[in-house]
Amino acid sequence: MGTLKYEGGEISFRFHGYGCQFNFSGLIIDYDYGQPPDFNYEGFDSWKLFQFILSQKKYENLKDEPLFNSIILEMDSRKIIEKVNPQYHTFKLVE
């Protein structure tokens, strides 16, 4: 865990597993670098996206977890996104 100070305030961070979580005065961004051996990461984690939404005031209409999950599943069924790994909540945009 650490803190980066800058003229406008500070950013706290903590490394975990394959990534790092940043906290900008309540705005939380959690990033994964992927898994070994190549640390490739091609997509987004729907659970972490939901955590980001919870940290934002402007997304009040999406803070209902069942609603959010149904949107993700609908996007998957319509082939807008697809699951990268069946063991995780990782998706990527369909090209």
C-alpha atoms as a PDB file:
ATOM      1  CA  MET A   1       0.000   0.000   0.000  1.00  0.00           C
ATOM      2  CA  GLY A   2       1.239   3.433  -0.801  1.00  0.00           C
ATOM      3  CA  THR A   3       0.350   7.023  -1.470  1.00  0.00           C
ATOM      4  CA  LEU A   4       1.270   9.343  -4.295  1.00  0.00           C
ATOM      5  CA  LYS A   5       1.007  13.051  -3.528  1.00  0.00           C
ATOM      6  CA  TYR A   6       0.442  15.709  -6.137  1.00  0.00           C
ATOM      7  CA  GLU A   7      -0.486  19.365  -6.106  1.00  0.00           C
ATOM      8  CA  GLY A   8      -4.245  18.676  -6.065  1.00  0.00           C
ATOM      9  CA  GLY A   9      -4.254  15.954  -3.407  1.00  0.00           C
ATOM     10  CA  GLU A  10      -3.169  12.356  -3.142  1.00  0.00           C
ATOM     11  CA  ILE A  11      -3.815   8.957  -4.653  1.00  0.00           C
ATOM     12  CA  SER A  12      -3.621   5.818  -2.560  1.00  0.00           C
ATOM     13  CA  PHE A  13      -2.829   2.486  -4.166  1.00  0.00           C
ATOM     14  CA  ARG A  14      -2.365  -1.144  -3.247  1.00  0.00           C
ATOM     15  CA  PHE A  15      -1.057  -4.029  -5.285  1.00  0.00           C
ATOM     16  CA  HIS A  16      -2.973  -7.317  -5.248  1.00  0.00           C
ATOM     17  CA  GLY A  17      -2.712 -10.580  -7.141  1.00  0.00           C
ATOM     18  CA  TYR A  18      -2.125  -9.541 -10.755  1.00  0.00           C
ATOM     19  CA  GLY A  19      -3.099  -5.907 -10.418  1.00  0.00           C
ATOM     20  CA  CYS A  20      -3.374  -2.665  -8.529  1.00  0.00           C
ATOM     21  CA  GLN A  21      -6.247  -0.707  -6.995  1.00  0.00           C
ATOM     22  CA  PHE A  22      -6.125   3.101  -7.077  1.00  0.00           C
ATOM     23  CA  ASN A  23      -8.248   5.396  -4.914  1.00  0.00           C
ATOM     24  CA  PHE A  24      -8.605   9.011  -6.065  1.00  0.00           C
ATOM     25  CA  SER A  25     -10.607  10.554  -3.179  1.00  0.00           C
ATOM     26  CA  GLY A  26     -13.323   7.907  -3.411  1.00  0.00           C
ATOM     27  CA  LEU A  27     -13.041   7.200  -7.143  1.00  0.00           C
ATOM     28  CA  ILE A  28     -11.817   3.599  -7.205  1.00  0.00           C
ATOM     29  CA  ILE A  29     -10.151   2.066 -10.240  1.00  0.00           C
ATOM     30  CA  ASP A  30      -8.982  -1.546 -10.008  1.00  0.00           C
ATOM     31  CA  TYR A  31      -6.740  -2.812 -12.788  1.00  0.00           C
ATOM     32  CA  ASP A  32      -5.437  -6.319 -13.496  1.00  0.00           C
ATOM     33  CA  TYR A  33      -2.358  -6.954 -15.586  1.00  0.00           C
ATOM     34  CA  GLY A  34      -3.421 -10.448 -16.624  1.00  0.00           C
ATOM     35  CA  GLN A  35      -2.025 -13.835 -15.708  1.00  0.00           C
ATOM     36  CA  PRO A  36       1.404 -15.371 -16.177  1.00  0.00           C
ATOM     37  CA  PRO A  37       3.351 -16.264 -18.168  1.00  0.00           C
ATOM     38  CA  ASP A  38       2.671 -13.410 -20.608  1.00  0.00           C
ATOM     39  CA  PHE A  39       0.364 -11.213 -18.431  1.00  0.00           C
ATOM     40  CA  ASN A  40      -1.931 -10.649 -21.403  1.00  0.00           C
ATOM     41  CA  TYR A  41      -5.195  -8.994 -20.501  1.00  0.00           C
ATOM     42  CA  GLU A  42      -7.808  -8.675 -23.162  1.00  0.00           C
ATOM     43  CA  GLY A  43     -11.007  -7.398 -21.681  1.00  0.00           C
ATOM     44  CA  PHE A  44     -12.712  -6.154 -18.566  1.00  0.00           C
ATOM     45  CA  ASP A  45     -13.850  -7.685 -15.313  1.00  0.00           C
ATOM     46  CA  SER A  46     -17.589  -7.097 -14.882  1.00  0.00           C
ATOM     47  CA  TRP A  47     -17.354  -7.279 -11.068  1.00  0.00           C
ATOM     48  CA  LYS A  48     -14.658  -4.581 -11.023  1.00  0.00           C
ATOM     49  CA  LEU A  49     -16.685  -2.477 -13.447  1.00  0.00           C
ATOM     50  CA  PHE A  50     -19.615  -2.727 -11.025  1.00  0.00           C
ATOM     51  CA  GLN A  51     -17.340  -1.674  -8.128  1.00  0.00           C
ATOM     52  CA  PHE A  52     -16.313   1.374 -10.168  1.00  0.00           C
ATOM     53  CA  ILE A  53     -19.993   2.224 -10.769  1.00  0.00           C
ATOM     54  CA  LEU A  54     -20.667   1.983  -7.020  1.00  0.00           C
ATOM     55  CA  SER A  55     -17.953   4.585  -6.398  1.00  0.00           C
ATOM     56  CA  GLN A  56     -19.623   7.092  -8.752  1.00  0.00           C
ATOM     57  CA  LYS A  57     -22.552   9.379  -7.935  1.00  0.00           C
ATOM     58  CA  LYS A  58     -23.597   9.804 -11.564  1.00  0.00           C
ATOM     59  CA  TYR A  59     -24.434   6.112 -12.144  1.00  0.00           C
ATOM     60  CA  GLU A  60     -27.202   5.792  -9.529  1.00  0.00           C
ATOM     61  CA  ASN A  61     -29.471   3.949 -11.986  1.00  0.00           C
ATOM     62  CA  LEU A  62     -26.873   1.142 -12.414  1.00  0.00           C
ATOM     63  CA  LYS A  63     -26.117   0.529  -8.734  1.00  0.00           C
ATOM     64  CA  ASP A  64     -28.609  -2.312  -8.594  1.00  0.00           C
ATOM     65  CA  GLU A  65     -26.400  -5.418  -8.911  1.00  0.00           C
ATOM     66  CA  PRO A  66     -29.071  -7.745 -10.374  1.00  0.00           C
ATOM     67  CA  LEU A  67     -29.900  -5.073 -12.981  1.00  0.00           C
ATOM     68  CA  PHE A  68     -26.209  -4.585 -13.808  1.00  0.00           C
ATOM     69  CA  ASN A  69     -25.691  -8.366 -14.141  1.00  0.00           C
ATOM     70  CA  SER A  70     -28.738  -8.674 -16.395  1.00  0.00           C
ATOM     71  CA  ILE A  71     -27.299  -5.958 -18.677  1.00  0.00           C
ATOM     72  CA  ILE A  72     -23.983  -7.836 -18.879  1.00  0.00           C
ATOM     73  CA  LEU A  73     -25.785 -11.116 -19.663  1.00  0.00           C
ATOM     74  CA  GLU A  74     -27.950  -9.402 -22.297  1.00  0.00           C
ATOM     75  CA  MET A  75     -24.855  -7.916 -23.965  1.00  0.00           C
ATOM     76  CA  ASP A  76     -23.274 -11.377 -23.945  1.00  0.00           C
ATOM     77  CA  SER A  77     -26.365 -13.043 -25.450  1.00  0.00           C
ATOM     78  CA  ARG A  78     -26.555 -10.356 -28.164  1.00  0.00           C
ATOM     79  CA  LYS A  79     -22.846 -10.956 -28.989  1.00  0.00           C
ATOM     80  CA  ILE A  80     -21.816  -7.398 -28.081  1.00  0.00           C
ATOM     81  CA  ILE A  81     -19.370  -8.853 -25.562  1.00  0.00           C
ATOM     82  CA  GLU A  82     -18.112 -12.386 -24.962  1.00  0.00           C
ATOM     83  CA  LYS A  83     -16.637 -14.157 -21.979  1.00  0.00           C
ATOM     84  CA  VAL A  84     -12.863 -14.511 -22.152  1.00  0.00           C
ATOM     85  CA  ASN A  85     -12.502 -17.138 -19.428  1.00  0.00           C
ATOM     86  CA  PRO A  86     -15.433 -19.181 -18.068  1.00  0.00           C
ATOM     87  CA  GLN A  87     -13.885 -19.216 -14.565  1.00  0.00           C
ATOM     88  CA  TYR A  88     -13.911 -15.431 -14.189  1.00  0.00           C
ATOM     89  CA  HIS A  89     -16.176 -12.441 -14.864  1.00  0.00           C
ATOM     90  CA  THR A  90     -13.902 -11.326 -17.695  1.00  0.00           C
ATOM     91  CA  PHE A  91     -15.403 -10.148 -20.973  1.00  0.00           C
ATOM     92  CA  LYS A  92     -14.177  -8.515 -24.151  1.00  0.00           C
ATOM     93  CA  LEU A  93     -15.899  -6.609 -26.917  1.00  0.00           C
ATOM     94  CA  VAL A  94     -16.806  -8.725 -29.936  1.00  0.00           C
ATOM     95  CA  GLU A  95     -15.004  -7.460 -33.002  1.00  0.00           C
END
